[in-house]
Amino acid sequence: MGNRKKLMHFLRVDPAAAVSALSSPRSFFSSNSNSSSDDDGYSSSFQGSASSSPSRSYSPPKSPWARLPGLGADDASSDDATATGLIASLVKEDGKVYSLAAAGDVLYTGTDSETVRVWRDRRELAGFRTGSGLVKTIVVAADGRIFTGHQDGKVRVWRADGDAGGDPAVVHRRVGSLPPLGDLLISSVNPSSYVRSPRGAERGGRRRAAVWLRHSDAVSSLSLDEGAGLLYSASWDRTFKAWRVSDYRCLESVPAHDDAVNTVAAAGFGGLVLTGSADGTVKVWRREVAAAGDRTRHVLERVLREGGDGAVTAIAACPEARAVYVGSSDGLVTCWRWGLDDVDGSEPPRLAGVLAGHGTGVLCLAVSGRVVVSGSADGTLCVWRRDDDDEHPGRHARLAVLAGHTGPIKCVAVPADDDDCYDADGERRFVVYSGSLDGSVKVWRLSEERALEPPAVEATTAPFMAALWESEAWMPRPRTAQLPSPVQAWAPEMKGVAAA
């Protein structure tokens, strides 16, 4: 009998041990991250098993994201492929979501916790710590390289080591940074490589000198031109830079605007690049290549939008339709079209429409085929379909107003069109990912042919927009507007972030 009591005592679960086993997602990754110092003083890390070496057969834990009942990855059979609307609401402790990138069925999310996480079918596959703070923008190249733009003015490049099954790997290696350390060191000893940075001058301080090939302020936007082999980066230092993706060499730094450059987008036709700024202007630049082929410069083609109508916050291009969409702080999205016969894009574009669906500023845009999605500081998304028929060229039909976030929507992504998104009736269905400063990512499924019921949600001026006036990149300087009264709800969390 005494031995039986001893055995039962041995098998009894220790409550303290049980609690410690249920560690938070953050503690899990911090304890299983292997870090190594990179060449620019920041640490890169990868997710692996608990062993000292990374494991290629990594089996991620059950996703800590909160899902709607019956629609999670754990119950894939219950996920009706014909359903439309909100299909998942993902919430995690990583902090505010500032960037998204969708590559096929894989989703990359960047937050203010120095972490980029990789997801498929709402399950976590991998994650890596960038060691540089806020991840403001993410783009994924066709060859699988991942480019991330950061608050510290640098662009970092990552690559995933795939496993035998072809799934995205758990191990993400940092394979480069822009500018490369060698180029930065060479330029640092050359006095002619220094330019006067506007940072500090707007606060009454003295302009400091900075090396021209490195951004002296936060990288706000990235855009890839795969055909030209170039990556464009925009920054709050009022410049945009062109990088050659083959060797990460900075080809040119263009002083583009009188205020922070919030967005850059390669048009995908005619060698055109568009930039939008807090000074309220949209500029169109043309890429010119020297005869030798190793020199590139960008010249100002035209000013598409003059200042004075609010800050320009987002630009998205649709190359096949030769259309460019511009979002601004006045809540409008304007569509500009170049003629289909204008091969080199030299003819002036025409204003093809104004999409008015938000009560406050537009913070992000995404275009995929005929679908245009805008995210706003009012916490809603507007989804539009471009109808290019002979009777109504350039007309846009609103498919849905998506409400569900409780904070400003900072980023949105729509996966590229593919053959698998059509049902038996030939109706195209597509997925929209939206990331918000409320710390959540929401997944929506919509039909391209039918509007979502109810067709619209009335936009209200909530306190989401008020705190964005605190952002230095949001308003053209000098500031003239008074701070709205309901700022208390979001201002404490927005101060110092300066990411509108």
Protein backbone atom coordinates (compact mmCIF):
# COMPACT_ATOMS: atom_id res chain seq x y z
CA MET A 1 0.00 0.00 0.00
CA GLY A 2 2.86 2.34 0.81
CA ASN A 3 4.50 1.62 -2.54
CA ARG A 4 1.17 2.37 -4.31
CA LYS A 5 0.96 5.77 -2.61
CA LYS A 6 4.50 6.55 -3.66
CA LEU A 7 3.70 5.61 -7.28
CA MET A 8 0.57 7.81 -7.34
CA HIS A 9 2.56 10.70 -5.92
CA PHE A 10 5.15 10.23 -8.65
CA LEU A 11 2.53 10.32 -11.43
CA ARG A 12 0.71 13.37 -10.06
CA VAL A 13 1.19 16.45 -12.26
CA ASP A 14 3.06 19.30 -10.64
CA PRO A 15 0.88 22.44 -11.09
CA ALA A 16 3.92 24.68 -11.29
CA ALA A 17 5.44 22.54 -14.04
CA ALA A 18 2.18 22.54 -15.96
CA VAL A 19 1.99 26.31 -15.90
CA SER A 20 5.58 26.70 -17.03
CA ALA A 21 4.97 24.31 -19.92
CA LEU A 22 2.21 26.55 -21.26
CA SER A 23 4.62 29.29 -22.15
CA SER A 24 3.57 32.21 -24.31
CA PRO A 25 4.38 32.29 -28.04
CA ARG A 26 6.86 35.06 -27.39
CA SER A 27 8.75 33.06 -24.79
CA PHE A 28 8.75 30.01 -27.06
CA PHE A 29 10.48 31.81 -29.87
CA SER A 30 12.89 33.66 -27.66
CA SER A 31 14.02 30.40 -26.11
CA ASN A 32 14.35 28.60 -29.44
CA SER A 33 16.04 31.29 -31.48
CA ASN A 34 19.64 30.97 -32.48
CA SER A 35 21.20 34.38 -33.00
CA SER A 36 24.35 35.42 -34.74
CA SER A 37 25.79 38.85 -35.24
CA ASP A 38 25.65 40.21 -38.78
CA ASP A 39 27.94 42.68 -40.45
CA ASP A 40 25.97 45.81 -39.61
CA GLY A 41 25.73 45.34 -35.89
CA TYR A 42 22.28 43.81 -35.76
CA SER A 43 21.37 40.25 -34.92
CA SER A 44 19.64 37.90 -37.29
CA SER A 45 17.96 34.80 -36.01
CA PHE A 46 16.10 31.78 -37.25
CA GLN A 47 13.45 29.51 -35.85
CA GLY A 48 14.35 25.91 -35.31
CA SER A 49 14.04 23.10 -32.85
CA ALA A 50 15.17 23.29 -29.27
CA SER A 51 18.51 21.77 -30.19
CA SER A 52 21.61 23.86 -30.67
CA SER A 53 21.55 23.48 -34.45
CA PRO A 54 18.68 24.48 -36.73
CA SER A 55 16.41 21.68 -37.78
CA ARG A 56 15.13 21.40 -41.31
CA SER A 57 12.34 19.08 -40.17
CA TYR A 58 10.95 21.78 -37.89
CA SER A 59 7.40 21.09 -36.74
CA PRO A 60 5.91 24.42 -35.64
CA PRO A 61 3.71 24.62 -32.59
CA LYS A 62 0.00 24.97 -32.83
CA SER A 63 -0.64 28.43 -34.12
CA PRO A 64 -1.34 30.88 -31.30
CA TRP A 65 -3.43 33.01 -33.63
CA ALA A 66 -7.07 33.30 -32.60
CA ARG A 67 -9.42 32.00 -35.30
CA LEU A 68 -13.12 32.15 -35.82
CA PRO A 69 -15.00 28.96 -34.85
CA GLY A 70 -15.05 26.39 -37.62
CA LEU A 71 -12.77 28.36 -39.91
CA GLY A 72 -9.35 27.64 -38.52
CA ALA A 73 -6.54 25.66 -40.05
CA ASP A 74 -7.12 22.94 -37.47
CA ASP A 75 -10.48 22.22 -39.09
CA ALA A 76 -9.71 22.67 -42.76
CA SER A 77 -12.65 20.55 -43.83
CA SER A 78 -15.06 23.09 -42.38
CA ASP A 79 -13.59 25.99 -44.34
CA ASP A 80 -16.16 26.42 -47.09
CA ALA A 81 -14.35 27.55 -50.23
CA THR A 82 -17.51 29.27 -51.43
CA ALA A 83 -17.93 31.40 -48.31
CA THR A 84 -17.32 35.12 -48.57
CA GLY A 85 -16.60 37.75 -45.98
CA LEU A 86 -14.36 37.47 -42.94
CA ILE A 87 -12.97 33.94 -42.73
CA ALA A 88 -10.30 34.41 -40.04
CA SER A 89 -9.25 36.96 -37.47
CA LEU A 90 -5.64 36.57 -36.38
CA VAL A 91 -4.43 38.14 -33.15
CA LYS A 92 -1.03 37.77 -31.57
CA GLU A 93 1.22 39.39 -28.97
CA ASP A 94 3.79 40.59 -31.50
CA GLY A 95 2.41 44.12 -31.49
CA LYS A 96 1.06 46.36 -34.20
CA VAL A 97 1.14 45.00 -37.75
CA TYR A 98 2.92 47.37 -40.14
CA SER A 99 3.65 45.25 -43.20
CA LEU A 100 2.30 42.29 -45.17
CA ALA A 101 3.46 40.43 -48.25
CA ALA A 102 1.63 37.57 -49.95
CA ALA A 103 3.58 35.20 -52.19
CA GLY A 104 1.25 32.51 -53.50
CA ASP A 105 -0.30 30.83 -50.48
CA VAL A 106 2.40 32.09 -48.11
CA LEU A 107 1.92 35.19 -46.00
CA TYR A 108 4.70 37.27 -44.41
CA THR A 109 3.84 39.62 -41.56
CA GLY A 110 6.05 42.30 -40.04
CA THR A 111 5.42 44.05 -36.73
CA ASP A 112 7.08 46.43 -34.32
CA SER A 113 8.56 43.49 -32.36
CA GLU A 114 11.51 42.95 -34.74
CA THR A 115 9.92 39.72 -35.97
CA VAL A 116 8.77 38.57 -39.41
CA ARG A 117 6.52 35.53 -39.33
CA VAL A 118 5.71 33.17 -42.18
CA TRP A 119 2.27 31.57 -42.51
CA ARG A 120 0.49 29.14 -44.77
CA ASP A 121 -3.20 28.23 -44.44
CA ARG A 122 -3.26 30.24 -41.22
CA ARG A 123 -0.60 27.99 -39.70
CA GLU A 124 2.77 29.29 -38.63
CA LEU A 125 5.62 27.82 -40.66
CA ALA A 126 8.58 29.92 -39.56
CA GLY A 127 9.73 33.20 -38.15
CA PHE A 128 12.89 35.23 -38.00
CA ARG A 129 14.00 38.18 -35.94
CA THR A 130 15.45 41.09 -37.84
CA GLY A 131 17.08 42.69 -34.80
CA SER A 132 16.36 46.17 -36.12
CA GLY A 133 13.02 47.14 -34.65
CA LEU A 134 10.02 48.14 -36.72
CA VAL A 135 9.52 46.19 -39.97
CA LYS A 136 7.86 48.86 -42.09
CA THR A 137 7.68 47.15 -45.47
CA ILE A 138 8.17 43.69 -47.03
CA VAL A 139 8.44 42.58 -50.65
CA VAL A 140 9.14 39.08 -51.98
CA ALA A 141 11.04 38.52 -55.21
CA ALA A 142 10.22 35.83 -57.74
CA ASP A 143 13.34 33.87 -56.76
CA GLY A 144 12.19 33.71 -53.13
CA ARG A 145 14.35 36.44 -51.65
CA ILE A 146 12.63 38.57 -49.03
CA PHE A 147 13.42 42.28 -48.77
CA THR A 148 12.52 44.11 -45.56
CA GLY A 149 12.69 47.86 -44.95
CA HIS A 150 13.30 49.15 -41.46
CA GLN A 151 13.09 52.13 -39.18
CA ASP A 152 16.89 52.36 -39.03
CA GLY A 153 17.13 53.27 -42.74
CA LYS A 154 18.41 49.90 -43.93
CA VAL A 155 17.03 47.26 -46.29
CA ARG A 156 17.84 43.67 -45.40
CA VAL A 157 17.66 40.61 -47.62
CA TRP A 158 16.64 37.13 -46.45
CA ARG A 159 16.41 33.72 -48.02
CA ALA A 160 14.62 30.61 -46.82
CA ASP A 161 16.33 27.20 -46.93
CA GLY A 162 13.64 24.84 -48.21
CA ASP A 163 13.17 21.33 -46.97
CA ALA A 164 12.76 18.19 -49.02
CA GLY A 165 9.00 18.67 -49.17
CA GLY A 166 9.28 22.05 -50.83
CA ASP A 167 7.63 23.95 -47.98
CA PRO A 168 9.00 27.30 -46.88
CA ALA A 169 11.82 26.58 -44.47
CA VAL A 170 12.03 27.37 -40.83
CA VAL A 171 15.56 28.68 -41.31
CA HIS A 172 15.78 32.15 -42.83
CA ARG A 173 19.28 33.42 -43.43
CA ARG A 174 20.18 37.04 -43.90
CA VAL A 175 22.01 37.02 -47.23
CA GLY A 176 22.64 40.72 -47.64
CA SER A 177 21.90 44.27 -46.65
CA LEU A 178 21.46 47.44 -48.66
CA PRO A 179 23.91 49.06 -48.88
CA PRO A 180 26.50 46.29 -48.51
CA LEU A 181 29.01 46.82 -45.77
CA GLY A 182 31.93 47.00 -48.21
CA ASP A 183 30.33 49.75 -50.28
CA LEU A 184 29.44 51.66 -47.13
CA LEU A 185 33.01 51.53 -45.83
CA ILE A 186 34.49 52.67 -49.14
CA SER A 187 32.07 55.57 -49.36
CA SER A 188 32.68 56.55 -45.74
CA VAL A 189 36.30 57.47 -46.44
CA ASN A 190 35.45 59.51 -49.54
CA PRO A 191 34.45 63.10 -48.65
CA SER A 192 32.54 63.48 -51.93
CA SER A 193 30.18 60.67 -50.89
CA TYR A 194 28.58 62.78 -48.17
CA VAL A 195 25.41 64.80 -48.65
CA ARG A 196 23.46 67.04 -46.31
CA SER A 197 20.62 65.16 -44.70
CA PRO A 198 17.38 67.08 -43.97
CA ARG A 199 16.98 65.14 -40.74
CA GLY A 200 17.15 67.50 -37.77
CA ALA A 201 16.88 70.70 -39.80
CA GLU A 202 13.10 70.75 -39.57
CA ARG A 203 13.37 70.88 -35.79
CA GLY A 204 15.64 73.87 -35.88
CA GLY A 205 18.83 71.83 -35.70
CA ARG A 206 21.79 71.66 -38.03
CA ARG A 207 21.72 69.39 -41.05
CA ARG A 208 24.17 66.56 -40.63
CA ALA A 209 26.19 64.92 -43.35
CA ALA A 210 25.33 61.36 -44.41
CA VAL A 211 26.69 58.93 -46.98
CA TRP A 212 24.56 59.25 -50.10
CA LEU A 213 23.99 55.52 -50.66
CA ARG A 214 22.39 54.96 -47.25
CA HIS A 215 19.04 56.29 -46.15
CA SER A 216 19.37 58.67 -43.24
CA ASP A 217 15.81 58.08 -42.04
CA ALA A 218 13.23 55.31 -41.98
CA VAL A 219 12.58 53.25 -45.11
CA SER A 220 8.88 53.75 -45.74
CA SER A 221 8.26 51.70 -48.90
CA LEU A 222 9.83 49.14 -51.24
CA SER A 223 8.93 48.23 -54.81
CA LEU A 224 10.42 45.60 -57.12
CA ASP A 225 10.79 45.93 -60.87
CA GLU A 226 11.57 42.33 -61.72
CA GLY A 227 11.98 42.98 -65.44
CA ALA A 228 14.61 45.64 -64.89
CA GLY A 229 16.26 43.80 -61.99
CA LEU A 230 15.82 46.81 -59.70
CA LEU A 231 14.54 47.43 -56.20
CA TYR A 232 13.29 50.89 -55.27
CA SER A 233 13.29 52.15 -51.70
CA ALA A 234 11.56 55.31 -50.44
CA SER A 235 12.47 57.05 -47.22
CA TRP A 236 11.49 59.87 -44.91
CA ASP A 237 14.85 61.44 -45.79
CA ARG A 238 13.01 62.79 -48.89
CA THR A 239 14.83 60.55 -51.37
CA PHE A 240 14.25 57.31 -53.21
CA LYS A 241 17.03 54.97 -54.23
CA ALA A 242 17.46 52.43 -57.01
CA TRP A 243 19.27 49.18 -56.15
CA ARG A 244 20.46 46.42 -58.47
CA VAL A 245 19.14 43.20 -56.98
CA SER A 246 21.88 41.02 -58.48
CA ASP A 247 24.66 42.54 -56.34
CA TYR A 248 22.74 44.97 -54.07
CA ARG A 249 24.61 47.92 -55.53
CA CYS A 250 23.01 51.34 -55.12
CA LEU A 251 22.80 52.78 -58.63
CA GLU A 252 21.25 56.14 -57.81
CA SER A 253 19.87 58.26 -55.00
CA VAL A 254 17.26 60.78 -56.12
CA PRO A 255 16.30 63.81 -53.98
CA ALA A 256 12.65 63.54 -54.92
CA HIS A 257 10.45 65.69 -52.66
CA ASP A 258 10.34 68.55 -50.19
CA ASP A 259 9.04 66.28 -47.43
CA ALA A 260 9.05 62.63 -46.41
CA VAL A 261 8.57 60.15 -49.26
CA ASN A 262 5.83 57.81 -48.06
CA THR A 263 5.54 55.48 -51.03
CA VAL A 264 7.28 54.35 -54.22
CA ALA A 265 5.93 52.08 -56.96
CA ALA A 266 7.41 50.80 -60.20
CA ALA A 267 4.70 51.13 -62.82
CA GLY A 268 5.82 48.04 -64.73
CA PHE A 269 5.63 49.75 -68.11
CA GLY A 270 7.59 52.44 -69.93
CA GLY A 271 10.36 52.44 -67.32
CA LEU A 272 8.20 54.64 -65.08
CA VAL A 273 8.50 54.96 -61.31
CA LEU A 274 6.07 56.94 -59.14
CA THR A 275 6.70 58.50 -55.74
CA GLY A 276 4.25 60.04 -53.28
CA SER A 277 5.13 62.34 -50.43
CA ALA A 278 3.85 64.10 -47.36
CA ASP A 279 4.22 67.32 -49.35
CA GLY A 280 1.09 66.24 -51.26
CA THR A 281 2.71 65.60 -54.64
CA VAL A 282 2.94 62.54 -56.86
CA LYS A 283 5.88 62.55 -59.24
CA VAL A 284 6.50 60.33 -62.25
CA TRP A 285 10.12 59.45 -62.99
CA ARG A 286 11.50 57.80 -66.11
CA ARG A 287 14.39 55.36 -65.95
CA GLU A 288 17.14 56.00 -68.46
CA VAL A 289 19.92 53.47 -69.06
CA ALA A 290 23.30 54.52 -70.41
CA ALA A 291 24.60 53.00 -73.62
CA ALA A 292 27.10 50.87 -71.70
CA GLY A 293 24.21 49.38 -69.74
CA ASP A 294 25.85 49.74 -66.33
CA ARG A 295 24.55 53.20 -65.45
CA THR A 296 20.99 54.10 -64.54
CA ARG A 297 19.45 57.47 -63.83
CA HIS A 298 15.91 58.66 -63.24
CA VAL A 299 14.62 61.94 -64.63
CA LEU A 300 11.44 63.72 -63.65
CA GLU A 301 8.79 63.06 -66.30
CA ARG A 302 5.89 65.00 -64.81
CA VAL A 303 4.13 65.95 -61.59
CA LEU A 304 0.95 63.90 -61.52
CA ARG A 305 -0.56 65.53 -58.45
CA GLU A 306 0.25 68.93 -57.01
CA GLY A 307 0.60 69.54 -53.29
CA GLY A 308 -2.02 71.12 -51.10
CA ASP A 309 -4.62 68.33 -51.13
CA GLY A 310 -3.20 66.32 -48.27
CA ALA A 311 -0.34 63.87 -47.92
CA VAL A 312 0.09 61.05 -50.43
CA THR A 313 0.28 57.81 -48.50
CA ALA A 314 0.06 54.90 -50.96
CA ILE A 315 0.58 54.11 -54.65
CA ALA A 316 -0.20 50.83 -56.42
CA ALA A 317 0.20 50.01 -60.12
CA CYS A 318 -1.57 47.60 -62.46
CA PRO A 319 0.80 47.10 -65.44
CA GLU A 320 -1.60 45.09 -67.62
CA ALA A 321 -4.20 47.86 -67.48
CA ARG A 322 -1.56 50.64 -67.48
CA ALA A 323 -3.27 52.06 -64.43
CA VAL A 324 -1.89 53.67 -61.27
CA TYR A 325 -3.89 54.19 -58.06
CA VAL A 326 -2.98 56.92 -55.57
CA GLY A 327 -4.26 57.04 -51.98
CA SER A 328 -4.10 60.17 -49.87
CA SER A 329 -4.96 61.57 -46.46
CA ASP A 330 -8.20 63.11 -47.74
CA GLY A 331 -9.72 59.62 -47.94
CA LEU A 332 -9.76 59.43 -51.74
CA VAL A 333 -8.18 57.01 -54.21
CA THR A 334 -7.51 58.46 -57.67
CA CYS A 335 -6.96 56.33 -60.77
CA TRP A 336 -4.66 57.45 -63.58
CA ARG A 337 -4.50 55.64 -66.92
CA TRP A 338 -1.94 55.61 -69.67
CA GLY A 339 -3.09 54.68 -73.17
CA LEU A 340 -2.69 51.05 -74.18
CA ASP A 341 -1.07 52.21 -77.41
CA ASP A 342 1.40 54.38 -75.53
CA VAL A 343 4.19 51.81 -75.42
CA ASP A 344 6.84 53.94 -73.76
CA GLY A 345 4.45 55.85 -71.47
CA SER A 346 5.49 59.20 -72.92
CA GLU A 347 1.97 60.56 -73.42
CA PRO A 348 0.28 62.38 -70.52
CA PRO A 349 -1.98 60.10 -68.46
CA ARG A 350 -5.63 60.88 -67.90
CA LEU A 351 -7.56 60.93 -64.66
CA ALA A 352 -9.78 57.86 -65.03
CA GLY A 353 -11.72 58.07 -61.80
CA VAL A 354 -11.91 58.98 -58.13
CA LEU A 355 -12.87 56.27 -55.63
CA ALA A 356 -14.53 57.79 -52.58
CA GLY A 357 -15.15 55.18 -49.94
CA HIS A 358 -13.46 56.31 -46.74
CA GLY A 359 -14.25 58.93 -44.17
CA THR A 360 -10.59 59.43 -43.26
CA GLY A 361 -7.18 58.97 -44.81
CA VAL A 362 -6.15 56.04 -46.98
CA LEU A 363 -3.05 54.32 -45.57
CA CYS A 364 -2.49 51.40 -47.96
CA LEU A 365 -3.42 50.06 -51.38
CA ALA A 366 -3.20 46.71 -53.18
CA VAL A 367 -4.05 45.80 -56.78
CA SER A 368 -4.49 42.34 -58.28
CA GLY A 369 -5.98 42.04 -61.73
CA ARG A 370 -9.25 43.95 -61.77
CA VAL A 371 -9.43 44.15 -57.96
CA VAL A 372 -8.38 47.24 -56.01
CA VAL A 373 -8.32 47.28 -52.20
CA SER A 374 -7.78 50.33 -50.02
CA GLY A 375 -7.23 50.37 -46.26
CA SER A 376 -7.95 53.43 -44.16
CA ALA A 377 -7.38 55.06 -40.80
CA ASP A 378 -11.11 54.66 -40.20
CA GLY A 379 -10.57 50.92 -39.70
CA THR A 380 -12.31 49.77 -42.90
CA LEU A 381 -11.31 48.40 -46.28
CA CYS A 382 -12.98 49.25 -49.57
CA VAL A 383 -12.86 46.66 -52.35
CA TRP A 384 -13.40 47.77 -55.95
CA ARG A 385 -13.58 46.03 -59.30
CA ARG A 386 -12.36 47.81 -62.42
CA ASP A 387 -14.80 47.32 -65.32
CA ASP A 388 -13.03 48.07 -68.58
CA ASP A 389 -15.87 47.82 -71.08
CA ASP A 390 -16.42 49.90 -74.19
CA GLU A 391 -19.43 51.71 -72.75
CA HIS A 392 -17.87 52.64 -69.40
CA PRO A 393 -14.07 52.60 -69.75
CA GLY A 394 -12.34 52.84 -66.40
CA ARG A 395 -15.52 52.52 -64.33
CA HIS A 396 -15.13 50.97 -60.88
CA ALA A 397 -17.81 49.02 -59.04
CA ARG A 398 -17.61 48.76 -55.27
CA LEU A 399 -17.78 45.14 -54.16
CA ALA A 400 -17.59 45.58 -50.40
CA VAL A 401 -16.76 47.74 -47.43
CA LEU A 402 -15.07 45.47 -44.89
CA ALA A 403 -15.38 46.48 -41.25
CA GLY A 404 -13.88 44.56 -38.36
CA HIS A 405 -10.61 46.14 -37.34
CA THR A 406 -10.58 48.39 -34.27
CA GLY A 407 -7.59 50.45 -35.36
CA PRO A 408 -6.10 52.06 -38.47
CA ILE A 409 -5.38 49.59 -41.27
CA LYS A 410 -1.71 50.00 -42.11
CA CYS A 411 -1.15 47.32 -44.76
CA VAL A 412 -3.09 45.17 -47.19
CA ALA A 413 -2.15 42.38 -49.58
CA VAL A 414 -3.96 40.45 -52.31
CA PRO A 415 -2.27 37.30 -53.68
CA ALA A 416 -1.63 37.29 -57.42
CA ASP A 417 -4.26 35.84 -59.72
CA ASP A 418 -3.98 32.12 -60.49
CA ASP A 419 -6.05 29.38 -62.08
CA ASP A 420 -7.02 27.82 -58.74
CA CYS A 421 -9.16 30.77 -57.63
CA TYR A 422 -11.99 30.08 -60.08
CA ASP A 423 -14.91 27.89 -59.05
CA ALA A 424 -16.91 25.48 -61.22
CA ASP A 425 -19.10 28.32 -62.50
CA GLY A 426 -16.09 30.34 -63.60
CA GLU A 427 -16.53 32.87 -60.80
CA ARG A 428 -13.28 34.24 -59.45
CA ARG A 429 -12.80 34.31 -55.71
CA PHE A 430 -9.87 36.04 -54.09
CA VAL A 431 -8.38 36.51 -50.65
CA VAL A 432 -7.53 39.82 -48.98
CA TYR A 433 -5.14 40.12 -46.03
CA SER A 434 -5.28 43.24 -43.89
CA GLY A 435 -2.98 44.25 -41.05
CA SER A 436 -3.86 46.87 -38.48
CA LEU A 437 -2.36 48.90 -35.68
CA ASP A 438 -4.84 47.07 -33.43
CA GLY A 439 -2.38 44.15 -33.61
CA SER A 440 -4.49 41.83 -35.75
CA VAL A 441 -4.40 40.37 -39.24
CA LYS A 442 -7.74 39.59 -40.83
CA VAL A 443 -8.36 37.25 -43.75
CA TRP A 444 -11.25 37.95 -46.10
CA ARG A 445 -12.60 36.01 -49.08
CA LEU A 446 -14.64 37.79 -51.74
CA SER A 447 -16.16 37.18 -55.14
CA GLU A 448 -15.11 39.29 -58.09
CA GLU A 449 -18.54 39.04 -59.70
CA ARG A 450 -20.93 39.61 -56.78
CA ALA A 451 -20.94 42.37 -54.20
CA LEU A 452 -20.78 41.35 -50.57
CA GLU A 453 -24.02 41.85 -48.63
CA PRO A 454 -24.54 44.33 -47.12
CA PRO A 455 -22.85 46.29 -49.92
CA ALA A 456 -21.58 49.11 -47.70
CA VAL A 457 -20.87 50.10 -44.14
CA GLU A 458 -21.19 53.74 -43.22
CA ALA A 459 -17.75 55.21 -42.52
CA THR A 460 -17.51 57.16 -39.30
CA THR A 461 -14.87 59.55 -38.11
CA ALA A 462 -13.52 57.46 -35.25
CA PRO A 463 -10.57 58.34 -33.04
CA PHE A 464 -8.33 56.21 -35.28
CA MET A 465 -7.50 59.13 -37.55
CA ALA A 466 -6.90 61.66 -34.83
CA ALA A 467 -3.63 60.22 -33.59
CA LEU A 468 -2.21 60.04 -37.09
CA TRP A 469 -1.87 63.81 -37.06
CA GLU A 470 0.95 63.18 -34.60
CA SER A 471 2.96 61.47 -37.34
CA GLU A 472 5.57 63.63 -38.99
CA ALA A 473 5.19 61.76 -42.25
CA TRP A 474 1.43 62.11 -42.27
CA MET A 475 0.98 65.88 -42.51
CA PRO A 476 2.88 68.26 -44.78
CA ARG A 477 5.10 70.51 -42.71
CA PRO A 478 4.72 73.07 -41.24
CA ARG A 479 1.63 71.82 -39.47
CA THR A 480 -1.40 74.06 -39.63
CA ALA A 481 -4.19 71.82 -38.36
CA GLN A 482 -5.28 71.65 -34.76
CA LEU A 483 -5.18 68.28 -33.08
CA PRO A 484 -8.69 66.78 -32.96
CA SER A 485 -10.13 66.22 -29.52
CA PRO A 486 -10.49 62.40 -29.45
CA VAL A 487 -6.75 61.86 -29.86
CA GLN A 488 -6.33 60.26 -26.43
CA ALA A 489 -7.45 56.84 -27.63
CA TRP A 490 -4.56 56.32 -30.04
CA ALA A 491 -2.00 59.10 -29.57
CA PRO A 492 0.02 57.37 -26.82
CA GLU A 493 0.60 54.38 -29.06
CA MET A 494 1.30 56.39 -32.18
CA LYS A 495 3.84 58.85 -30.76
CA GLY A 496 7.38 58.12 -31.80
CA VAL A 497 6.32 55.55 -34.36
CA ALA A 498 5.80 58.09 -37.15
CA ALA A 499 4.40 55.39 -39.43
CA ALA A 500 1.17 56.58 -40.91
